[in-house]
Amino acid sequence: MKQKIECPECNSPLKVWIDIDAEISFHVSSTGKLNKREVQDNQQSDGRCGLECLECDWKVYGQDCKDDAMLKVIEAADEKYRALRLTVVPLKN
């Protein structure tokens, strides 16, 4: 039987989160114009990820999680994140 992934305190649904760092840089022309925007993912490996309940205050950080099924959810989210390409899009006014 498959283990249910839910809040251990109130049995509500969970969300998984991954805190990421990104660097945005621009080339600067001799007149001071910014161009050639680059967005680079600065991979972090300090455990800034985890699960939290959508209803109560329960939360666990990835580095503190001992539940194998919950760890698999965090790992799956990390795999999905690594398949993404970070981009910056100008705001529409």
PDB file of N, CA and C in Angstrom:
ATOM      1  N   MET A   1       0.847  -1.187   0.000  1.00  0.00           N
ATOM      2  CA  MET A   1       0.000   0.000   0.000  1.00  0.00           C
ATOM      3  C   MET A   1       0.888   1.244   0.000  1.00  0.00           C
ATOM      4  N   LYS A   2       0.531   2.215  -0.835  1.00  0.00           N
ATOM      5  CA  LYS A   2       1.291   3.436  -0.959  1.00  0.00           C
ATOM      6  C   LYS A   2       1.015   4.365   0.221  1.00  0.00           C
ATOM      7  N   GLN A   3       2.085   4.964   0.768  1.00  0.00           N
ATOM      8  CA  GLN A   3       1.940   5.883   1.892  1.00  0.00           C
ATOM      9  C   GLN A   3       1.327   7.193   1.418  1.00  0.00           C
ATOM     10  N   LYS A   4       0.375   7.710   2.195  1.00  0.00           N
ATOM     11  CA  LYS A   4      -0.243   8.986   1.886  1.00  0.00           C
ATOM     12  C   LYS A   4       0.716  10.104   2.282  1.00  0.00           C
ATOM     13  N   ILE A   5       0.896  11.063   1.394  1.00  0.00           N
ATOM     14  CA  ILE A   5       1.743  12.213   1.682  1.00  0.00           C
ATOM     15  C   ILE A   5       0.821  13.348   2.105  1.00  0.00           C
ATOM     16  N   GLU A   6       0.822  13.644   3.393  1.00  0.00           N
ATOM     17  CA  GLU A   6      -0.029  14.695   3.942  1.00  0.00           C
ATOM     18  C   GLU A   6       0.588  15.214   5.230  1.00  0.00           C
ATOM     19  N   CYS A   7       0.045  16.296   5.748  1.00  0.00           N
ATOM     20  CA  CYS A   7       0.548  16.887   6.976  1.00  0.00           C
ATOM     21  C   CYS A   7       0.443  15.882   8.116  1.00  0.00           C
ATOM     22  N   PRO A   8       1.543  15.644   8.824  1.00  0.00           N
ATOM     23  CA  PRO A   8       1.495  14.694   9.933  1.00  0.00           C
ATOM     24  C   PRO A   8       0.725  15.214  11.140  1.00  0.00           C
ATOM     25  N   GLU A   9       0.429  16.514  11.161  1.00  0.00           N
ATOM     26  CA  GLU A   9      -0.292  17.085  12.294  1.00  0.00           C
ATOM     27  C   GLU A   9      -1.795  17.195  12.059  1.00  0.00           C
ATOM     28  N   CYS A  10      -2.197  17.590  10.828  1.00  0.00           N
ATOM     29  CA  CYS A  10      -3.639  17.808  10.602  1.00  0.00           C
ATOM     30  C   CYS A  10      -4.179  17.056   9.386  1.00  0.00           C
ATOM     31  N   ASN A  11      -3.336  16.258   8.712  1.00  0.00           N
ATOM     32  CA  ASN A  11      -3.717  15.458   7.538  1.00  0.00           C
ATOM     33  C   ASN A  11      -4.152  16.287   6.332  1.00  0.00           C
ATOM     34  N   SER A  12      -3.730  17.551   6.273  1.00  0.00           N
ATOM     35  CA  SER A  12      -4.054  18.416   5.137  1.00  0.00           C
ATOM     36  C   SER A  12      -3.007  18.255   4.036  1.00  0.00           C
ATOM     37  N   PRO A  13      -3.293  18.785   2.840  1.00  0.00           N
ATOM     38  CA  PRO A  13      -2.326  18.722   1.740  1.00  0.00           C
ATOM     39  C   PRO A  13      -1.071  19.545   2.061  1.00  0.00           C
ATOM     40  N   LEU A  14       0.020  19.171   1.396  1.00  0.00           N
ATOM     41  CA  LEU A  14       1.295  19.854   1.575  1.00  0.00           C
ATOM     42  C   LEU A  14       1.697  20.568   0.297  1.00  0.00           C
ATOM     43  N   LYS A  15       2.628  21.506   0.429  1.00  0.00           N
ATOM     44  CA  LYS A  15       3.299  22.057  -0.755  1.00  0.00           C
ATOM     45  C   LYS A  15       4.788  21.900  -0.526  1.00  0.00           C
ATOM     46  N   VAL A  16       5.512  21.665  -1.606  1.00  0.00           N
ATOM     47  CA  VAL A  16       6.966  21.541  -1.548  1.00  0.00           C
ATOM     48  C   VAL A  16       7.546  22.844  -2.070  1.00  0.00           C
ATOM     49  N   TRP A  17       8.636  23.302  -1.471  1.00  0.00           N
ATOM     50  CA  TRP A  17       9.255  24.556  -1.898  1.00  0.00           C
ATOM     51  C   TRP A  17      10.765  24.383  -2.005  1.00  0.00           C
ATOM     52  N   ILE A  18      11.336  25.139  -2.921  1.00  0.00           N
ATOM     53  CA  ILE A  18      12.787  25.163  -3.123  1.00  0.00           C
ATOM     54  C   ILE A  18      13.181  26.629  -3.243  1.00  0.00           C
ATOM     55  N   ASP A  19      14.048  27.071  -2.365  1.00  0.00           N
ATOM     56  CA  ASP A  19      14.544  28.448  -2.392  1.00  0.00           C
ATOM     57  C   ASP A  19      15.773  28.479  -3.287  1.00  0.00           C
ATOM     58  N   ILE A  20      15.746  29.332  -4.309  1.00  0.00           N
ATOM     59  CA  ILE A  20      16.847  29.357  -5.267  1.00  0.00           C
ATOM     60  C   ILE A  20      17.511  30.730  -5.284  1.00  0.00           C
ATOM     61  N   ASP A  21      18.720  30.779  -5.773  1.00  0.00           N
ATOM     62  CA  ASP A  21      19.450  32.022  -5.999  1.00  0.00           C
ATOM     63  C   ASP A  21      19.660  32.173  -7.495  1.00  0.00           C
ATOM     64  N   ALA A  22      19.558  33.393  -7.959  1.00  0.00           N
ATOM     65  CA  ALA A  22      19.832  33.662  -9.367  1.00  0.00           C
ATOM     66  C   ALA A  22      20.590  34.979  -9.462  1.00  0.00           C
ATOM     67  N   GLU A  23      21.437  35.052 -10.450  1.00  0.00           N
ATOM     68  CA  GLU A  23      22.191  36.277 -10.704  1.00  0.00           C
ATOM     69  C   GLU A  23      21.738  36.842 -12.039  1.00  0.00           C
ATOM     70  N   ILE A  24      21.432  38.133 -12.066  1.00  0.00           N
ATOM     71  CA  ILE A  24      21.067  38.825 -13.304  1.00  0.00           C
ATOM     72  C   ILE A  24      22.200  39.796 -13.595  1.00  0.00           C
ATOM     73  N   SER A  25      22.744  39.736 -14.809  1.00  0.00           N
ATOM     74  CA  SER A  25      23.830  40.644 -15.171  1.00  0.00           C
ATOM     75  C   SER A  25      23.552  41.256 -16.537  1.00  0.00           C
ATOM     76  N   PHE A  26      24.152  42.395 -16.774  1.00  0.00           N
ATOM     77  CA  PHE A  26      24.021  43.111 -18.044  1.00  0.00           C
ATOM     78  C   PHE A  26      25.406  43.531 -18.507  1.00  0.00           C
ATOM     79  N   HIS A  27      25.612  43.548 -19.806  1.00  0.00           N
ATOM     80  CA  HIS A  27      26.813  44.161 -20.352  1.00  0.00           C
ATOM     81  C   HIS A  27      26.539  45.658 -20.414  1.00  0.00           C
ATOM     82  N   VAL A  28      27.552  46.464 -20.128  1.00  0.00           N
ATOM     83  CA  VAL A  28      27.393  47.915 -20.112  1.00  0.00           C
ATOM     84  C   VAL A  28      28.181  48.503 -21.279  1.00  0.00           C
ATOM     85  N   SER A  29      27.471  49.272 -22.135  1.00  0.00           N
ATOM     86  CA  SER A  29      28.150  49.897 -23.269  1.00  0.00           C
ATOM     87  C   SER A  29      28.957  51.097 -22.774  1.00  0.00           C
ATOM     88  N   SER A  30      29.785  51.658 -23.636  1.00  0.00           N
ATOM     89  CA  SER A  30      30.615  52.816 -23.262  1.00  0.00           C
ATOM     90  C   SER A  30      29.769  54.045 -22.963  1.00  0.00           C
ATOM     91  N   THR A  31      28.499  54.035 -23.409  1.00  0.00           N
ATOM     92  CA  THR A  31      27.605  55.161 -23.108  1.00  0.00           C
ATOM     93  C   THR A  31      26.737  54.890 -21.884  1.00  0.00           C
ATOM     94  N   GLY A  32      26.926  53.735 -21.278  1.00  0.00           N
ATOM     95  CA  GLY A  32      26.172  53.404 -20.058  1.00  0.00           C
ATOM     96  C   GLY A  32      24.890  52.641 -20.306  1.00  0.00           C
ATOM     97  N   LYS A  33      24.623  52.280 -21.566  1.00  0.00           N
ATOM     98  CA  LYS A  33      23.414  51.522 -21.873  1.00  0.00           C
ATOM     99  C   LYS A  33      23.599  50.064 -21.436  1.00  0.00           C
ATOM    100  N   LEU A  34      22.545  49.507 -20.846  1.00  0.00           N
ATOM    101  CA  LEU A  34      22.572  48.108 -20.424  1.00  0.00           C
ATOM    102  C   LEU A  34      22.054  47.225 -21.553  1.00  0.00           C
ATOM    103  N   ASN A  35      22.780  46.150 -21.851  1.00  0.00           N
ATOM    104  CA  ASN A  35      22.328  45.214 -22.875  1.00  0.00           C
ATOM    105  C   ASN A  35      22.859  43.832 -22.551  1.00  0.00           C
ATOM    106  N   LYS A  36      22.545  42.876 -23.387  1.00  0.00           N
ATOM    107  CA  LYS A  36      22.940  41.475 -23.207  1.00  0.00           C
ATOM    108  C   LYS A  36      22.630  40.973 -21.802  1.00  0.00           C
ATOM    109  N   ARG A  37      21.362  40.988 -21.484  1.00  0.00           N
ATOM    110  CA  ARG A  37      20.934  40.493 -20.167  1.00  0.00           C
ATOM    111  C   ARG A  37      21.221  39.002 -20.053  1.00  0.00           C
ATOM    112  N   GLU A  38      21.754  38.593 -18.919  1.00  0.00           N
ATOM    113  CA  GLU A  38      22.017  37.179 -18.648  1.00  0.00           C
ATOM    114  C   GLU A  38      21.444  36.832 -17.285  1.00  0.00           C
ATOM    115  N   VAL A  39      20.785  35.695 -17.223  1.00  0.00           N
ATOM    116  CA  VAL A  39      20.266  35.181 -15.963  1.00  0.00           C
ATOM    117  C   VAL A  39      20.965  33.861 -15.706  1.00  0.00           C
ATOM    118  N   GLN A  40      21.586  33.757 -14.548  1.00  0.00           N
ATOM    119  CA  GLN A  40      22.315  32.531 -14.225  1.00  0.00           C
ATOM    120  C   GLN A  40      21.817  31.993 -12.890  1.00  0.00           C
ATOM    121  N   ASP A  41      21.513  30.727 -12.889  1.00  0.00           N
ATOM    122  CA  ASP A  41      21.098  30.036 -11.673  1.00  0.00           C
ATOM    123  C   ASP A  41      22.343  29.754 -10.849  1.00  0.00           C
ATOM    124  N   ASN A  42      22.365  30.248  -9.632  1.00  0.00           N
ATOM    125  CA  ASN A  42      23.466  29.941  -8.716  1.00  0.00           C
ATOM    126  C   ASN A  42      22.987  28.835  -7.810  1.00  0.00           C
ATOM    127  N   GLN A  43      23.261  27.606  -8.216  1.00  0.00           N
ATOM    128  CA  GLN A  43      22.757  26.452  -7.470  1.00  0.00           C
ATOM    129  C   GLN A  43      23.189  26.498  -6.025  1.00  0.00           C
ATOM    130  N   GLN A  44      22.237  26.303  -5.171  1.00  0.00           N
ATOM    131  CA  GLN A  44      22.516  26.235  -3.741  1.00  0.00           C
ATOM    132  C   GLN A  44      22.420  24.786  -3.308  1.00  0.00           C
ATOM    133  N   SER A  45      23.165  24.458  -2.309  1.00  0.00           N
ATOM    134  CA  SER A  45      23.104  23.089  -1.814  1.00  0.00           C
ATOM    135  C   SER A  45      23.056  23.069  -0.301  1.00  0.00           C
ATOM    136  N   ASP A  46      22.479  24.113   0.269  1.00  0.00           N
ATOM    137  CA  ASP A  46      22.463  24.208   1.722  1.00  0.00           C
ATOM    138  C   ASP A  46      21.119  23.816   2.330  1.00  0.00           C
ATOM    139  N   GLY A  47      20.325  23.073   1.575  1.00  0.00           N
ATOM    140  CA  GLY A  47      19.087  22.531   2.150  1.00  0.00           C
ATOM    141  C   GLY A  47      17.935  23.502   2.231  1.00  0.00           C
ATOM    142  N   ARG A  48      17.974  24.557   1.448  1.00  0.00           N
ATOM    143  CA  ARG A  48      16.865  25.507   1.489  1.00  0.00           C
ATOM    144  C   ARG A  48      15.712  24.987   0.639  1.00  0.00           C
ATOM    145  N   CYS A  49      15.071  23.980   1.171  1.00  0.00           N
ATOM    146  CA  CYS A  49      13.926  23.363   0.525  1.00  0.00           C
ATOM    147  C   CYS A  49      13.148  22.651   1.616  1.00  0.00           C
ATOM    148  N   GLY A  50      11.933  22.256   1.295  1.00  0.00           N
ATOM    149  CA  GLY A  50      11.177  21.521   2.288  1.00  0.00           C
ATOM    150  C   GLY A  50       9.723  21.370   1.910  1.00  0.00           C
ATOM    151  N   LEU A  51       8.955  20.992   2.904  1.00  0.00           N
ATOM    152  CA  LEU A  51       7.513  20.802   2.757  1.00  0.00           C
ATOM    153  C   LEU A  51       6.818  21.625   3.818  1.00  0.00           C
ATOM    154  N   GLU A  52       5.636  22.130   3.481  1.00  0.00           N
ATOM    155  CA  GLU A  52       4.831  22.817   4.484  1.00  0.00           C
ATOM    156  C   GLU A  52       3.360  22.554   4.236  1.00  0.00           C
ATOM    157  N   CYS A  53       2.613  22.591   5.313  1.00  0.00           N
ATOM    158  CA  CYS A  53       1.182  22.327   5.256  1.00  0.00           C
ATOM    159  C   CYS A  53       0.452  23.524   4.670  1.00  0.00           C
ATOM    160  N   LEU A  54      -0.577  23.252   3.891  1.00  0.00           N
ATOM    161  CA  LEU A  54      -1.397  24.317   3.321  1.00  0.00           C
ATOM    162  C   LEU A  54      -2.443  24.831   4.309  1.00  0.00           C
ATOM    163  N   GLU A  55      -2.614  24.155   5.444  1.00  0.00           N
ATOM    164  CA  GLU A  55      -3.646  24.547   6.406  1.00  0.00           C
ATOM    165  C   GLU A  55      -3.103  24.999   7.760  1.00  0.00           C
ATOM    166  N   CYS A  56      -2.122  24.275   8.303  1.00  0.00           N
ATOM    167  CA  CYS A  56      -1.613  24.626   9.637  1.00  0.00           C
ATOM    168  C   CYS A  56      -0.171  25.124   9.524  1.00  0.00           C
ATOM    169  N   ASP A  57       0.499  25.284  10.623  1.00  0.00           N
ATOM    170  CA  ASP A  57       1.848  25.840  10.647  1.00  0.00           C
ATOM    171  C   ASP A  57       2.956  24.801  10.512  1.00  0.00           C
ATOM    172  N   TRP A  58       2.627  23.526  10.247  1.00  0.00           N
ATOM    173  CA  TRP A  58       3.647  22.493  10.166  1.00  0.00           C
ATOM    174  C   TRP A  58       4.551  22.745   8.967  1.00  0.00           C
ATOM    175  N   LYS A  59       5.850  22.554   9.176  1.00  0.00           N
ATOM    176  CA  LYS A  59       6.839  22.759   8.117  1.00  0.00           C
ATOM    177  C   LYS A  59       8.063  21.914   8.446  1.00  0.00           C
ATOM    178  N   VAL A  60       8.707  21.364   7.422  1.00  0.00           N
ATOM    179  CA  VAL A  60       9.960  20.645   7.626  1.00  0.00           C
ATOM    180  C   VAL A  60      10.927  21.067   6.525  1.00  0.00           C
ATOM    181  N   TYR A  61      12.165  21.343   6.916  1.00  0.00           N
ATOM    182  CA  TYR A  61      13.211  21.655   5.953  1.00  0.00           C
ATOM    183  C   TYR A  61      13.785  20.359   5.413  1.00  0.00           C
ATOM    184  N   GLY A  62      14.228  20.381   4.161  1.00  0.00           N
ATOM    185  CA  GLY A  62      14.754  19.180   3.520  1.00  0.00           C
ATOM    186  C   GLY A  62      15.847  18.505   4.317  1.00  0.00           C
ATOM    187  N   GLN A  63      16.743  19.295   4.892  1.00  0.00           N
ATOM    188  CA  GLN A  63      17.855  18.719   5.656  1.00  0.00           C
ATOM    189  C   GLN A  63      17.401  18.054   6.940  1.00  0.00           C
ATOM    190  N   ASP A  64      16.203  18.394   7.430  1.00  0.00           N
ATOM    191  CA  ASP A  64      15.687  17.824   8.679  1.00  0.00           C
ATOM    192  C   ASP A  64      14.661  16.717   8.455  1.00  0.00           C
ATOM    193  N   CYS A  65      14.263  16.509   7.194  1.00  0.00           N
ATOM    194  CA  CYS A  65      13.218  15.531   6.887  1.00  0.00           C
ATOM    195  C   CYS A  65      13.778  14.113   7.009  1.00  0.00           C
ATOM    196  N   LYS A  66      13.095  13.285   7.776  1.00  0.00           N
ATOM    197  CA  LYS A  66      13.528  11.892   7.980  1.00  0.00           C
ATOM    198  C   LYS A  66      12.607  10.889   7.281  1.00  0.00           C
ATOM    199  N   ASP A  67      11.484  11.354   6.766  1.00  0.00           N
ATOM    200  CA  ASP A  67      10.496  10.495   6.129  1.00  0.00           C
ATOM    201  C   ASP A  67      10.890  10.252   4.673  1.00  0.00           C
ATOM    202  N   ASP A  68      11.128   8.995   4.308  1.00  0.00           N
ATOM    203  CA  ASP A  68      11.581   8.660   2.956  1.00  0.00           C
ATOM    204  C   ASP A  68      10.602   9.096   1.868  1.00  0.00           C
ATOM    205  N   ALA A  69       9.310   8.920   2.105  1.00  0.00           N
ATOM    206  CA  ALA A  69       8.315   9.296   1.096  1.00  0.00           C
ATOM    207  C   ALA A  69       8.304  10.806   0.888  1.00  0.00           C
ATOM    208  N   MET A  70       8.421  11.556   1.972  1.00  0.00           N
ATOM    209  CA  MET A  70       8.458  13.019   1.851  1.00  0.00           C
ATOM    210  C   MET A  70       9.752  13.477   1.185  1.00  0.00           C
ATOM    211  N   LEU A  71      10.849  12.803   1.477  1.00  0.00           N
ATOM    212  CA  LEU A  71      12.118  13.135   0.826  1.00  0.00           C
ATOM    213  C   LEU A  71      12.035  12.911  -0.679  1.00  0.00           C
ATOM    214  N   LYS A  72      11.316  11.873  -1.095  1.00  0.00           N
ATOM    215  CA  LYS A  72      11.140  11.605  -2.528  1.00  0.00           C
ATOM    216  C   LYS A  72      10.361  12.731  -3.202  1.00  0.00           C
ATOM    217  N   VAL A  73       9.385  13.316  -2.493  1.00  0.00           N
ATOM    218  CA  VAL A  73       8.625  14.448  -3.034  1.00  0.00           C
ATOM    219  C   VAL A  73       9.554  15.651  -3.225  1.00  0.00           C
ATOM    220  N   ILE A  74      10.393  15.917  -2.234  1.00  0.00           N
ATOM    221  CA  ILE A  74      11.343  17.029  -2.330  1.00  0.00           C
ATOM    222  C   ILE A  74      12.313  16.787  -3.487  1.00  0.00           C
ATOM    223  N   GLU A  75      12.809  15.567  -3.630  1.00  0.00           N
ATOM    224  CA  GLU A  75      13.723  15.225  -4.729  1.00  0.00           C
ATOM    225  C   GLU A  75      13.035  15.381  -6.082  1.00  0.00           C
ATOM    226  N   ALA A  76      11.761  15.008  -6.169  1.00  0.00           N
ATOM    227  CA  ALA A  76      11.012  15.152  -7.422  1.00  0.00           C
ATOM    228  C   ALA A  76      10.863  16.631  -7.784  1.00  0.00           C
ATOM    229  N   ALA A  77      10.607  17.472  -6.791  1.00  0.00           N
ATOM    230  CA  ALA A  77      10.490  18.916  -7.042  1.00  0.00           C
ATOM    231  C   ALA A  77      11.835  19.469  -7.506  1.00  0.00           C
ATOM    232  N   ASP A  78      12.917  18.996  -6.919  1.00  0.00           N
ATOM    233  CA  ASP A  78      14.248  19.445  -7.322  1.00  0.00           C
ATOM    234  C   ASP A  78      14.533  19.052  -8.764  1.00  0.00           C
ATOM    235  N   GLU A  79      14.143  17.846  -9.166  1.00  0.00           N
ATOM    236  CA  GLU A  79      14.330  17.412 -10.555  1.00  0.00           C
ATOM    237  C   GLU A  79      13.528  18.292 -11.513  1.00  0.00           C
ATOM    238  N   LYS A  80      12.292  18.623 -11.138  1.00  0.00           N
ATOM    239  CA  LYS A  80      11.469  19.496 -11.990  1.00  0.00           C
ATOM    240  C   LYS A  80      12.097  20.880 -12.090  1.00  0.00           C
ATOM    241  N   TYR A  81      12.610  21.388 -10.964  1.00  0.00           N
ATOM    242  CA  TYR A  81      13.257  22.698 -10.967  1.00  0.00           C
ATOM    243  C   TYR A  81      14.467  22.697 -11.896  1.00  0.00           C
ATOM    244  N   ARG A  82      15.278  21.649 -11.846  1.00  0.00           N
ATOM    245  CA  ARG A  82      16.483  21.587 -12.671  1.00  0.00           C
ATOM    246  C   ARG A  82      16.138  21.520 -14.163  1.00  0.00           C
ATOM    247  N   ALA A  83      14.929  21.116 -14.500  1.00  0.00           N
ATOM    248  CA  ALA A  83      14.497  21.059 -15.896  1.00  0.00           C
ATOM    249  C   ALA A  83      13.968  22.411 -16.380  1.00  0.00           C
ATOM    250  N   LEU A  84      13.891  23.402 -15.483  1.00  0.00           N
ATOM    251  CA  LEU A  84      13.399  24.727 -15.857  1.00  0.00           C
ATOM    252  C   LEU A  84      14.539  25.623 -16.318  1.00  0.00           C
ATOM    253  N   ARG A  85      14.195  26.580 -17.125  1.00  0.00           N
ATOM    254  CA  ARG A  85      15.154  27.597 -17.541  1.00  0.00           C
ATOM    255  C   ARG A  85      14.690  28.918 -16.962  1.00  0.00           C
ATOM    256  N   LEU A  86      15.548  29.545 -16.176  1.00  0.00           N
ATOM    257  CA  LEU A  86      15.193  30.821 -15.568  1.00  0.00           C
ATOM    258  C   LEU A  86      15.295  31.935 -16.605  1.00  0.00           C
ATOM    259  N   THR A  87      14.287  32.793 -16.652  1.00  0.00           N
ATOM    260  CA  THR A  87      14.307  33.950 -17.544  1.00  0.00           C
ATOM    261  C   THR A  87      13.735  35.142 -16.796  1.00  0.00           C
ATOM    262  N   VAL A  88      14.034  36.320 -17.293  1.00  0.00           N
ATOM    263  CA  VAL A  88      13.499  37.550 -16.742  1.00  0.00           C
ATOM    264  C   VAL A  88      12.642  38.183 -17.829  1.00  0.00           C
ATOM    265  N   VAL A  89      11.437  38.557 -17.462  1.00  0.00           N
ATOM    266  CA  VAL A  89      10.503  39.156 -18.419  1.00  0.00           C
ATOM    267  C   VAL A  89      10.135  40.542 -17.903  1.00  0.00           C
ATOM    268  N   PRO A  90      10.214  41.578 -18.750  1.00  0.00           N
ATOM    269  CA  PRO A  90       9.844  42.919 -18.314  1.00  0.00           C
ATOM    270  C   PRO A  90       8.383  42.987 -17.872  1.00  0.00           C
ATOM    271  N   LEU A  91       8.106  43.785 -16.854  1.00  0.00           N
ATOM    272  CA  LEU A  91       6.737  43.981 -16.398  1.00  0.00           C
ATOM    273  C   LEU A  91       5.946  44.783 -17.418  1.00  0.00           C
ATOM    274  N   LYS A  92       4.678  44.452 -17.562  1.00  0.00           N
ATOM    275  CA  LYS A  92       3.796  45.227 -18.434  1.00  0.00           C
ATOM    276  C   LYS A  92       3.159  46.324 -17.598  1.00  0.00           C
ATOM    277  N   ASN A  93       3.214  47.526 -18.086  1.00  0.00           N
ATOM    278  CA  ASN A  93       2.609  48.656 -17.348  1.00  0.00           C
ATOM    279  C   ASN A  93       1.186  48.886 -17.744  1.00  0.00           C
TER     280      ASN A  93
END
